[in-house]
């Protein structure tokens, strides 16, 4: 018998009770895992247990794939008009709007991001994304292609069937929406595995999916570890596509596993080492605000975090002085995600805390200078002070590797050619930010940067109707916008003979 968990929030920013089912959501029902077992969900602000949720494994994934495949063939992808799918997705959006505060509170509790950020950024993005794709559900069209007067040819964009979606922990509900939206709009069914560290909002989302009336089997949520449940998704022969957001190492494993069974289509969003380039003629005040947001948002736990900040020599000293003040301010505003004045929270886990501190120590040992931060904040939880390095060289680990924490390097440059060479000299290519009032330079540099997204005079500002994805080792394929529809459909060409005879 599955269990429920109720959390009583009594905080300055949110008060109320939120209840979730902690089981597995398979075929429209809450079930226990085949072999039992649980996963502890930890509060990153203090390291204490929030609750435990069921832990699924390969057997549970197999149990979820079967009804997902049946729903695709009988209830959703092949037999339900897109307009009807859209109506159900719109109903889900209405429920998300109704429960926005509860979902934001769960996200803040589980991830450690501020309640205000979870409500204004994450939930706003979730609602926008699913509403956007609900509108696309009846607009996925092929084309008629002229060949000869004796033949008619046309194309159909058809769903793959069952999609396996593996969700990261830094923005779990938003990343679920990024994958569910285009999957469901195009007629696929989904087996979704949230991160074992942050399953709470995915479980609440499953309740709302059920309430919205999506047919059983269309969306299945299976908690579990990546090495068991995640690996089973990657290798399952009845899953036609995998969508994954996470590390390069895990992405490689998924790509390999998918090729060893049924040659799944795989989209991967694998992180980055984004440059932020500030030219002498930039609006300095705006550049400072955006650059700090670009690295310190969500405690640096963002795949497009601008952790390499290049500032032209003419304004370098002034920029560094004011940027250091911003980092000092954030340190003074570090604390509980439910305090109204908190602006900086913890890392997600002890493992991630240790990883970030390891990079900081590596930077120190390599000879980089810590201008501010570089140490733990407080005595409990996984808080790291916003950290700024100078005196770095491009080959240091802190300049090459994704840290996924509130750690950046501020580097002086002289010429456009110089900064482009260094900015592009990494294995990643997900995002880039640049600041200049010179339109020609903005366009020229944007075109030269090796990144899937370039933000000019802003930073880390995705739009749900604009494609998002990476170059190089930052991934394969695109999420968001109309472009995402192409990654969830396969094109069928149909040839009809209307006059030719042998």
Protein backbone atom coordinates (compact mmCIF):
# COMPACT_ATOMS: atom_id res chain seq x y z
CA UNK A 1 0.00 0.00 0.00
CA UNK A 2 1.63 3.28 -1.07
CA UNK A 3 2.18 5.99 1.48
CA UNK A 4 1.62 9.71 1.50
CA UNK A 5 3.70 12.47 3.02
CA UNK A 6 2.38 15.78 4.29
CA UNK A 7 4.69 18.72 4.89
CA UNK A 8 3.49 21.56 7.09
CA UNK A 9 4.94 24.82 5.84
CA UNK A 10 4.93 27.62 8.40
CA UNK A 11 7.35 30.11 6.93
CA UNK A 12 7.46 33.86 6.27
CA UNK A 13 6.76 33.32 2.56
CA UNK A 14 4.45 30.30 2.47
CA UNK A 15 2.08 28.76 4.98
CA UNK A 16 0.05 25.63 4.39
CA UNK A 17 0.07 21.85 4.08
CA UNK A 18 1.19 19.99 0.98
CA UNK A 19 0.55 16.26 0.63
CA UNK A 20 2.15 13.96 -1.94
CA UNK A 21 2.01 10.25 -2.67
CA UNK A 22 5.47 8.73 -2.28
CA UNK A 23 4.89 5.65 -4.46
CA UNK A 24 5.33 5.02 -8.18
CA UNK A 25 2.70 6.33 -10.60
CA UNK A 26 2.16 3.62 -13.22
CA UNK A 27 -0.83 3.15 -15.52
CA UNK A 28 -2.89 5.76 -13.69
CA UNK A 29 -2.39 4.18 -10.26
CA UNK A 30 -0.09 4.59 -7.28
CA UNK A 31 1.82 1.38 -6.73
CA UNK A 32 4.66 0.05 -4.61
CA UNK A 33 7.92 -0.97 -6.29
CA UNK A 34 8.21 -4.64 -7.23
CA UNK A 35 11.17 -5.26 -4.94
CA UNK A 36 10.42 -2.63 -2.31
CA UNK A 37 13.06 -0.19 -1.18
CA UNK A 38 13.07 3.54 -0.57
CA UNK A 39 15.15 6.63 -1.27
CA UNK A 40 15.76 9.25 1.42
CA UNK A 41 15.04 12.83 0.37
CA UNK A 42 17.32 15.26 2.20
CA UNK A 43 16.81 18.92 3.08
CA UNK A 44 19.90 20.69 1.67
CA UNK A 45 19.66 23.52 4.20
CA UNK A 46 20.39 21.24 7.16
CA UNK A 47 21.19 17.74 5.88
CA UNK A 48 18.14 16.26 7.60
CA UNK A 49 15.57 13.84 6.24
CA UNK A 50 12.46 15.33 4.63
CA UNK A 51 10.83 12.00 3.78
CA UNK A 52 11.46 8.76 1.92
CA UNK A 53 10.00 7.80 -1.46
CA UNK A 54 9.68 4.47 -3.22
CA UNK A 55 12.68 3.29 -5.21
CA UNK A 56 11.88 1.68 -8.54
CA UNK A 57 14.28 -0.39 -10.59
CA UNK A 58 14.42 -2.10 -13.99
CA UNK A 59 11.39 -4.27 -13.20
CA UNK A 60 9.30 -1.20 -12.41
CA UNK A 61 10.45 0.53 -15.59
CA UNK A 62 9.35 -2.54 -17.52
CA UNK A 63 5.96 -2.43 -15.78
CA UNK A 64 5.61 1.24 -16.75
CA UNK A 65 6.63 0.79 -20.38
CA UNK A 66 3.92 -1.79 -21.06
CA UNK A 67 0.90 0.46 -20.29
CA UNK A 68 2.69 3.42 -21.88
CA UNK A 69 2.99 1.45 -25.09
CA UNK A 70 -0.63 0.30 -24.86
CA UNK A 71 -1.84 3.86 -24.22
CA UNK A 72 0.13 5.11 -27.21
CA UNK A 73 -1.51 2.57 -29.51
CA UNK A 74 -5.06 2.74 -28.17
CA UNK A 75 -5.72 6.00 -26.30
CA UNK A 76 -3.26 8.75 -27.18
CA UNK A 77 -0.82 8.92 -30.04
CA UNK A 78 -2.57 6.91 -32.72
CA UNK A 79 -6.25 7.35 -31.88
CA UNK A 80 -6.69 10.72 -30.16
CA UNK A 81 -6.86 13.87 -32.30
CA UNK A 82 -4.28 16.50 -31.49
CA UNK A 83 -7.03 18.92 -30.52
CA UNK A 84 -8.19 16.54 -27.77
CA UNK A 85 -4.65 16.10 -26.47
CA UNK A 86 -4.37 19.87 -26.40
CA UNK A 87 -7.54 20.20 -24.31
CA UNK A 88 -6.19 17.81 -21.70
CA UNK A 89 -2.88 19.64 -21.57
CA UNK A 90 -4.73 22.95 -21.10
CA UNK A 91 -6.60 21.37 -18.20
CA UNK A 92 -3.29 20.34 -16.66
CA UNK A 93 -2.08 23.93 -17.04
CA UNK A 94 -5.16 25.17 -15.15
CA UNK A 95 -4.36 22.80 -12.28
CA UNK A 96 -0.72 23.90 -12.23
CA UNK A 97 -1.85 27.51 -11.92
CA UNK A 98 -4.19 26.55 -9.09
CA UNK A 99 -1.41 24.73 -7.20
CA UNK A 100 1.42 27.10 -8.12
CA UNK A 101 2.26 28.08 -4.53
CA UNK A 102 2.27 24.48 -3.27
CA UNK A 103 4.53 23.32 -6.09
CA UNK A 104 6.89 26.25 -5.57
CA UNK A 105 7.08 25.44 -1.86
CA UNK A 106 7.91 21.80 -2.58
CA UNK A 107 10.57 22.83 -5.10
CA UNK A 108 12.15 25.27 -2.65
CA UNK A 109 12.10 22.67 0.12
CA UNK A 110 13.63 19.92 -1.99
CA UNK A 111 16.15 21.90 -4.08
CA UNK A 112 17.03 24.72 -1.68
CA UNK A 113 16.29 27.54 -4.14
CA UNK A 114 14.35 30.49 -2.78
CA UNK A 115 10.57 30.23 -2.70
CA UNK A 116 10.29 33.46 -4.67
CA UNK A 117 12.56 32.14 -7.41
CA UNK A 118 10.72 28.82 -7.55
CA UNK A 119 7.39 30.60 -7.89
CA UNK A 120 8.41 33.33 -10.31
CA UNK A 121 10.93 31.50 -12.48
CA UNK A 122 10.35 27.75 -12.24
CA UNK A 123 6.55 27.63 -11.99
CA UNK A 124 6.10 30.45 -14.46
CA UNK A 125 8.28 28.53 -16.90
CA UNK A 126 6.44 25.25 -16.27
CA UNK A 127 3.05 26.81 -16.92
CA UNK A 128 4.23 28.74 -19.98
CA UNK A 129 5.89 25.67 -21.49
CA UNK A 130 2.93 23.34 -21.12
CA UNK A 131 0.49 25.99 -22.34
CA UNK A 132 2.73 26.62 -25.34
CA UNK A 133 2.84 22.95 -26.32
CA UNK A 134 -0.87 22.45 -25.65
CA UNK A 135 -1.35 24.97 -28.45
CA UNK A 136 0.91 22.97 -30.75
CA UNK A 137 -0.94 19.66 -30.28
CA UNK A 138 -3.17 20.09 -33.35
CA UNK A 139 -0.61 21.91 -35.49
CA UNK A 140 2.01 19.24 -36.18
CA UNK A 141 1.74 19.01 -39.95
CA UNK A 142 3.53 17.35 -42.81
CA UNK A 143 3.56 18.61 -46.38
CA UNK A 144 2.45 17.65 -49.87
CA UNK A 145 5.38 17.28 -52.27
CA UNK A 146 5.10 17.63 -56.02
CA UNK A 147 6.73 14.81 -57.98
CA UNK A 148 4.94 14.00 -61.28
CA UNK A 149 1.37 14.20 -62.51
CA UNK A 150 1.10 10.44 -61.97
CA UNK A 151 2.01 10.44 -58.29
CA UNK A 152 0.92 12.17 -55.11
CA UNK A 153 3.42 12.28 -52.22
CA UNK A 154 2.98 13.64 -48.73
CA UNK A 155 4.65 13.40 -45.33
CA UNK A 156 3.41 12.75 -41.83
CA UNK A 157 5.22 13.69 -38.61
CA UNK A 158 4.48 10.72 -36.36
CA UNK A 159 5.39 10.16 -32.68
CA UNK A 160 7.97 7.57 -31.66
CA UNK A 161 5.74 5.85 -29.12
CA UNK A 162 7.14 5.58 -25.60
CA UNK A 163 9.61 8.30 -24.57
CA UNK A 164 11.88 7.83 -21.58
CA UNK A 165 12.57 11.15 -19.84
CA UNK A 166 15.34 11.41 -17.26
CA UNK A 167 15.19 14.62 -15.24
CA UNK A 168 17.99 16.48 -13.38
CA UNK A 169 17.86 17.88 -9.86
CA UNK A 170 18.63 21.57 -10.38
CA UNK A 171 15.23 22.55 -11.84
CA UNK A 172 13.26 19.30 -11.63
CA UNK A 173 9.73 20.50 -12.36
CA UNK A 174 10.78 22.88 -15.13
CA UNK A 175 12.90 20.22 -16.82
CA UNK A 176 10.00 17.77 -16.58
CA UNK A 177 7.79 20.31 -18.38
CA UNK A 178 10.43 20.89 -21.07
CA UNK A 179 10.23 17.18 -21.89
CA UNK A 180 6.58 16.41 -21.22
CA UNK A 181 5.28 19.34 -23.27
CA UNK A 182 6.59 18.39 -26.72
CA UNK A 183 6.38 14.64 -25.99
CA UNK A 184 2.69 14.72 -25.19
CA UNK A 185 1.73 17.35 -27.75
CA UNK A 186 3.12 15.20 -30.56
CA UNK A 187 1.36 12.06 -29.33
CA UNK A 188 4.09 10.19 -27.46
CA UNK A 189 3.57 8.60 -24.07
CA UNK A 190 6.15 9.01 -21.32
CA UNK A 191 7.99 7.13 -18.61
CA UNK A 192 9.55 9.85 -16.49
CA UNK A 193 12.31 9.29 -13.96
CA UNK A 194 12.97 12.25 -11.67
CA UNK A 195 16.32 12.66 -9.97
CA UNK A 196 16.56 10.51 -6.87
CA UNK A 197 17.51 13.68 -4.97
CA UNK A 198 14.53 15.80 -6.03
CA UNK A 199 11.43 13.67 -6.71
CA UNK A 200 8.84 15.64 -4.73
CA UNK A 201 7.43 17.97 -7.38
CA UNK A 202 7.35 15.19 -9.99
CA UNK A 203 5.17 13.16 -7.64
CA UNK A 204 2.83 16.10 -7.11
CA UNK A 205 2.76 16.65 -10.87
CA UNK A 206 1.65 13.03 -11.33
CA UNK A 207 -1.34 13.72 -9.07
CA UNK A 208 -2.31 16.71 -11.19
CA UNK A 209 -1.86 14.73 -14.43
CA UNK A 210 -4.28 12.17 -13.01
CA UNK A 211 -6.75 14.87 -11.97
CA UNK A 212 -6.53 16.50 -15.41
CA UNK A 213 -7.83 13.27 -16.95
CA UNK A 214 -4.90 12.14 -19.08
CA UNK A 215 -5.61 8.47 -19.86
CA UNK A 216 -3.86 5.82 -17.74
CA UNK A 217 -0.44 4.96 -19.07
CA UNK A 218 0.13 8.23 -20.92
CA UNK A 219 2.46 9.55 -18.20
CA UNK A 220 4.17 7.26 -15.72
CA UNK A 221 6.49 8.51 -12.96
CA UNK A 222 9.05 6.06 -11.58
CA UNK A 223 11.39 7.22 -8.82
CA UNK A 224 14.72 5.46 -8.78
CA UNK A 225 18.46 5.69 -9.00
CA UNK A 226 20.17 6.47 -12.28
CA UNK A 227 22.21 3.28 -12.14
CA UNK A 228 19.06 1.12 -12.00
CA UNK A 229 15.90 2.86 -13.20
CA UNK A 230 17.74 5.31 -15.44
CA UNK A 231 19.88 2.59 -17.00
CA UNK A 232 16.74 0.52 -17.64
CA UNK A 233 15.17 3.39 -19.57
CA UNK A 234 18.29 3.78 -21.71
CA UNK A 235 18.39 0.09 -22.63
CA UNK A 236 14.68 -0.80 -22.86
CA UNK A 237 13.80 -2.16 -26.29
CA UNK A 238 10.22 -0.79 -26.23
CA UNK A 239 11.29 2.80 -25.57
CA UNK A 240 11.72 4.62 -28.87
CA UNK A 241 13.36 7.80 -27.65
CA UNK A 242 15.25 9.02 -24.59
CA UNK A 243 15.43 12.64 -23.48
CA UNK A 244 18.07 13.31 -20.84
CA UNK A 245 19.42 16.34 -19.02
CA UNK A 246 22.47 15.85 -16.82
CA UNK A 247 26.19 15.19 -16.86
CA UNK A 248 28.39 14.38 -19.85
CA UNK A 249 29.47 11.12 -18.20
CA UNK A 250 25.89 9.89 -17.80
CA UNK A 251 24.98 11.16 -21.26
CA UNK A 252 27.71 9.02 -22.78
CA UNK A 253 26.39 5.96 -20.93
CA UNK A 254 22.84 6.61 -22.16
CA UNK A 255 24.01 7.05 -25.74
CA UNK A 256 25.97 3.81 -25.57
CA UNK A 257 23.14 1.84 -23.95
CA UNK A 258 20.60 3.12 -26.46
CA UNK A 259 22.74 1.93 -29.35
CA UNK A 260 23.01 -1.58 -27.96
CA UNK A 261 19.28 -2.36 -28.02
CA UNK A 262 17.04 -0.68 -30.57
CA UNK A 263 19.06 2.35 -31.72
CA UNK A 264 16.88 4.81 -29.82
CA UNK A 265 16.73 8.42 -30.82
CA UNK A 266 18.47 10.33 -28.02
CA UNK A 267 18.48 14.00 -27.12
CA UNK A 268 21.04 15.07 -24.56
CA UNK A 269 21.48 18.36 -22.71
CA UNK A 270 24.76 17.93 -20.90
CA UNK A 271 25.86 21.16 -19.31
CA UNK A 272 28.39 23.81 -20.14
CA UNK A 273 31.16 26.22 -19.25
CA UNK A 274 29.59 29.42 -20.51
CA UNK A 275 31.64 32.58 -21.13
CA UNK A 276 30.39 36.04 -20.25
CA UNK A 277 32.18 38.71 -22.30
CA UNK A 278 32.00 42.36 -21.22
CA UNK A 279 33.41 44.94 -23.64
CA UNK A 280 34.59 48.42 -22.67
CA UNK A 281 31.53 50.07 -24.20
CA UNK A 282 28.99 47.96 -22.29
CA UNK A 283 26.41 49.44 -19.95
CA UNK A 284 28.44 48.57 -16.87
CA UNK A 285 25.56 48.64 -14.40
CA UNK A 286 23.49 46.25 -16.51
CA UNK A 287 26.47 44.04 -17.27
CA UNK A 288 27.18 43.66 -13.55
CA UNK A 289 23.60 42.72 -12.73
CA UNK A 290 23.27 40.23 -15.56
CA UNK A 291 26.72 38.69 -15.10
CA UNK A 292 26.07 38.09 -11.40
CA UNK A 293 22.71 36.56 -12.19
CA UNK A 294 24.37 34.44 -14.86
CA UNK A 295 26.69 32.72 -12.40
CA UNK A 296 24.98 32.96 -9.00
CA UNK A 297 21.39 32.17 -10.03
CA UNK A 298 20.26 28.91 -8.38
CA UNK A 299 23.56 28.90 -6.49
CA UNK A 300 25.47 28.33 -9.72
CA UNK A 301 23.58 25.08 -10.30
CA UNK A 302 22.68 25.92 -13.87
CA UNK A 303 23.91 24.28 -17.07
CA UNK A 304 24.40 27.72 -18.66
CA UNK A 305 26.11 29.29 -15.64
CA UNK A 306 28.48 32.02 -16.85
CA UNK A 307 31.45 30.88 -14.80
CA UNK A 308 34.13 32.44 -17.04
CA UNK A 309 33.73 36.21 -17.03
CA UNK A 310 35.97 38.06 -19.49
CA UNK A 311 36.16 41.84 -19.01
CA UNK A 312 37.97 44.21 -21.36
CA UNK A 313 40.97 46.01 -19.85
CA UNK A 314 39.44 49.50 -19.84
CA UNK A 315 36.73 48.61 -17.31
CA UNK A 316 38.23 45.52 -15.67
CA UNK A 317 39.19 47.09 -12.33
CA UNK A 318 35.86 48.87 -11.90
CA UNK A 319 33.91 45.77 -12.90
CA UNK A 320 35.83 43.55 -10.46
CA UNK A 321 35.32 46.01 -7.61
CA UNK A 322 31.56 46.17 -8.05
CA UNK A 323 31.19 42.47 -8.87
CA UNK A 324 32.95 41.61 -5.61
CA UNK A 325 30.47 43.81 -3.76
CA UNK A 326 27.59 41.86 -5.32
CA UNK A 327 29.13 38.57 -4.16
CA UNK A 328 29.58 40.02 -0.66
CA UNK A 329 25.92 41.11 -0.64
CA UNK A 330 24.77 37.62 -1.62
CA UNK A 331 26.82 36.12 1.19
CA UNK A 332 24.99 38.37 3.63
CA UNK A 333 21.67 37.21 2.13
CA UNK A 334 22.38 33.48 2.45
CA UNK A 335 19.94 31.32 4.37
CA UNK A 336 16.61 29.52 4.38
CA UNK A 337 14.81 29.52 1.02
CA UNK A 338 11.64 30.57 2.82
CA UNK A 339 12.99 33.77 4.37
CA UNK A 340 11.77 36.77 2.43
CA UNK A 341 15.22 38.37 2.19
CA UNK A 342 17.19 35.25 1.23
CA UNK A 343 18.91 35.51 -2.14
CA UNK A 344 21.39 32.63 -1.95
CA UNK A 345 20.72 29.06 -0.84
CA UNK A 346 22.61 25.78 -0.46
CA UNK A 347 24.03 23.29 -2.94
CA UNK A 348 21.76 20.31 -3.45
CA UNK A 349 23.69 17.63 -1.53
CA UNK A 350 26.79 16.72 0.43
CA UNK A 351 28.24 15.20 -2.74
CA UNK A 352 27.72 18.40 -4.70
CA UNK A 353 29.03 20.53 -1.83
CA UNK A 354 32.20 18.42 -1.73
CA UNK A 355 32.55 18.69 -5.52
CA UNK A 356 32.31 22.49 -5.47
CA UNK A 357 34.74 22.80 -2.58
CA UNK A 358 37.08 20.46 -4.43
CA UNK A 359 37.13 22.82 -7.42
CA UNK A 360 37.74 25.79 -5.13
CA UNK A 361 40.69 24.02 -3.52
CA UNK A 362 41.98 23.06 -6.98
CA UNK A 363 41.90 26.70 -8.04
CA UNK A 364 43.84 27.74 -4.96
CA UNK A 365 46.43 25.01 -5.49
CA UNK A 366 46.84 26.01 -9.15
CA UNK A 367 47.74 29.54 -8.10
CA UNK A 368 44.48 31.40 -8.72
CA UNK A 369 43.61 34.19 -6.31
CA UNK A 370 40.38 34.12 -4.27
CA UNK A 371 39.02 37.66 -4.24
CA UNK A 372 36.00 36.74 -2.14
CA UNK A 373 34.38 33.57 -0.84
CA UNK A 374 36.15 30.26 -1.26
CA UNK A 375 34.75 28.64 1.84
CA UNK A 376 31.70 27.16 3.49
CA UNK A 377 28.94 29.39 4.83
CA UNK A 378 27.64 28.46 8.28
CA UNK A 379 27.98 25.18 10.13
CA UNK A 380 25.09 23.09 8.78
CA UNK A 381 23.63 22.35 5.40
CA UNK A 382 25.45 22.61 2.08
CA UNK A 383 26.04 26.36 1.76
CA UNK A 384 29.01 27.64 -0.26
CA UNK A 385 29.88 31.33 -0.27
CA UNK A 386 29.76 33.03 -3.68
CA UNK A 387 33.36 32.76 -4.87
CA UNK A 388 35.32 34.93 -7.30
CA UNK A 389 38.77 33.98 -8.64
CA UNK A 390 41.29 36.13 -10.51
CA UNK A 391 44.85 35.46 -11.71
CA UNK A 392 43.74 32.36 -13.60
CA UNK A 393 44.99 30.83 -16.83
CA UNK A 394 42.76 29.15 -19.43
CA UNK A 395 44.06 25.66 -18.74
CA UNK A 396 43.19 25.55 -15.04
CA UNK A 397 40.47 23.11 -14.03
CA UNK A 398 38.28 25.96 -12.78
CA UNK A 399 38.42 27.42 -16.30
CA UNK A 400 37.84 24.18 -18.20
CA UNK A 401 35.48 22.03 -16.13
CA UNK A 402 31.86 22.53 -15.18
CA UNK A 403 31.74 23.31 -11.45
CA UNK A 404 27.96 23.63 -11.03
CA UNK A 405 28.31 25.92 -8.07
CA UNK A 406 28.63 29.64 -7.21
CA UNK A 407 32.22 29.88 -8.43
CA UNK A 408 33.55 32.05 -11.24
CA UNK A 409 36.75 33.53 -12.62
CA UNK A 410 37.06 37.15 -13.76
CA UNK A 411 39.64 37.50 -16.54
CA UNK A 412 41.06 40.62 -18.21
CA UNK A 413 41.27 40.71 -22.01
CA UNK A 414 42.37 43.27 -24.58
CA UNK A 415 41.11 42.40 -28.06
CA UNK A 416 38.05 40.78 -29.56
CA UNK A 417 40.19 38.15 -31.29
CA UNK A 418 41.92 37.27 -28.03
CA UNK A 419 38.74 36.75 -26.03
CA UNK A 420 37.04 34.70 -28.74
CA UNK A 421 39.95 32.29 -28.89
CA UNK A 422 39.89 31.72 -25.12
CA UNK A 423 36.08 31.68 -24.83
CA UNK A 424 35.78 28.92 -27.44
CA UNK A 425 38.68 26.86 -26.07
CA UNK A 426 36.60 24.47 -23.93
CA UNK A 427 34.85 21.15 -24.55
CA UNK A 428 31.42 22.67 -23.97
CA UNK A 429 29.21 24.94 -26.06
CA UNK A 430 25.83 25.42 -24.43
CA UNK A 431 25.49 29.14 -23.77
CA UNK A 432 27.37 32.42 -23.95
CA UNK A 433 26.68 36.01 -22.86
CA UNK A 434 28.10 39.21 -24.26
CA UNK A 435 27.73 42.88 -23.41
CA UNK A 436 28.39 45.73 -25.79
CA UNK A 437 26.58 48.80 -27.16
CA UNK A 438 28.15 48.24 -30.59
CA UNK A 439 25.57 46.43 -32.73
CA UNK A 440 28.07 45.29 -35.35
CA UNK A 441 30.36 43.84 -32.69
CA UNK A 442 27.43 42.14 -30.95
CA UNK A 443 26.38 40.34 -34.11
CA UNK A 444 29.94 39.52 -35.15
CA UNK A 445 30.89 38.05 -31.77
CA UNK A 446 27.58 36.21 -31.38
CA UNK A 447 28.19 34.48 -34.70
CA UNK A 448 31.77 33.57 -33.75
CA UNK A 449 30.95 32.05 -30.36
CA UNK A 450 30.68 28.25 -30.36
CA UNK A 451 27.46 27.91 -28.40
CA UNK A 452 23.88 26.85 -28.97
CA UNK A 453 22.50 30.01 -27.33
CA UNK A 454 24.04 33.48 -27.20
CA UNK A 455 22.50 36.20 -25.05
CA UNK A 456 23.39 39.78 -25.95
CA UNK A 457 23.17 42.36 -23.14
CA UNK A 458 21.51 39.77 -20.90
CA UNK A 459 22.43 36.38 -19.48
CA UNK A 460 20.84 33.01 -18.77
CA UNK A 461 17.52 34.14 -20.17
CA UNK A 462 15.89 31.27 -22.10
CA UNK A 463 12.47 31.69 -23.68
CA UNK A 464 10.19 28.69 -23.90
CA UNK A 465 9.38 29.32 -27.56
CA UNK A 466 13.06 29.63 -28.60
CA UNK A 467 15.18 26.48 -29.16
CA UNK A 468 17.73 25.52 -26.53
CA UNK A 469 20.63 23.08 -26.81
CA UNK A 470 24.36 22.77 -27.14
CA UNK A 471 27.35 22.53 -29.41
CA UNK A 472 30.25 20.12 -28.84
CA UNK A 473 29.97 18.10 -25.62
CA UNK A 474 27.03 20.14 -24.38
CA UNK A 475 24.63 17.78 -26.09
CA UNK A 476 22.61 16.56 -29.03
CA UNK A 477 19.30 17.97 -30.26
CA UNK A 478 17.17 20.91 -29.19
CA UNK A 479 14.54 21.51 -26.56
CA UNK A 480 11.87 24.23 -26.50
CA UNK A 481 10.13 26.07 -29.28
CA UNK A 482 8.91 24.58 -32.53
CA UNK A 483 12.33 22.97 -33.01
CA UNK A 484 11.64 20.54 -30.14
CA UNK A 485 8.68 19.07 -32.04
CA UNK A 486 11.12 17.71 -34.62
CA UNK A 487 13.01 15.77 -31.94
CA UNK A 488 9.82 14.00 -30.79
CA UNK A 489 8.53 13.01 -34.23
CA UNK A 490 9.72 10.90 -37.13
CA UNK A 491 8.88 11.71 -40.73
CA UNK A 492 7.00 9.22 -42.85
CA UNK A 493 6.84 9.73 -46.63
CA UNK A 494 3.79 8.31 -48.42
CA UNK A 495 3.77 7.81 -52.22
CA UNK A 496 0.43 7.29 -53.99
CA UNK A 497 0.37 6.17 -57.59
CA UNK A 498 -2.53 7.90 -59.34
CA UNK A 499 -1.90 7.16 -62.99
CA UNK A 500 1.28 5.28 -63.75
CA UNK A 501 0.96 1.72 -65.00
CA UNK A 502 3.59 -0.93 -65.63
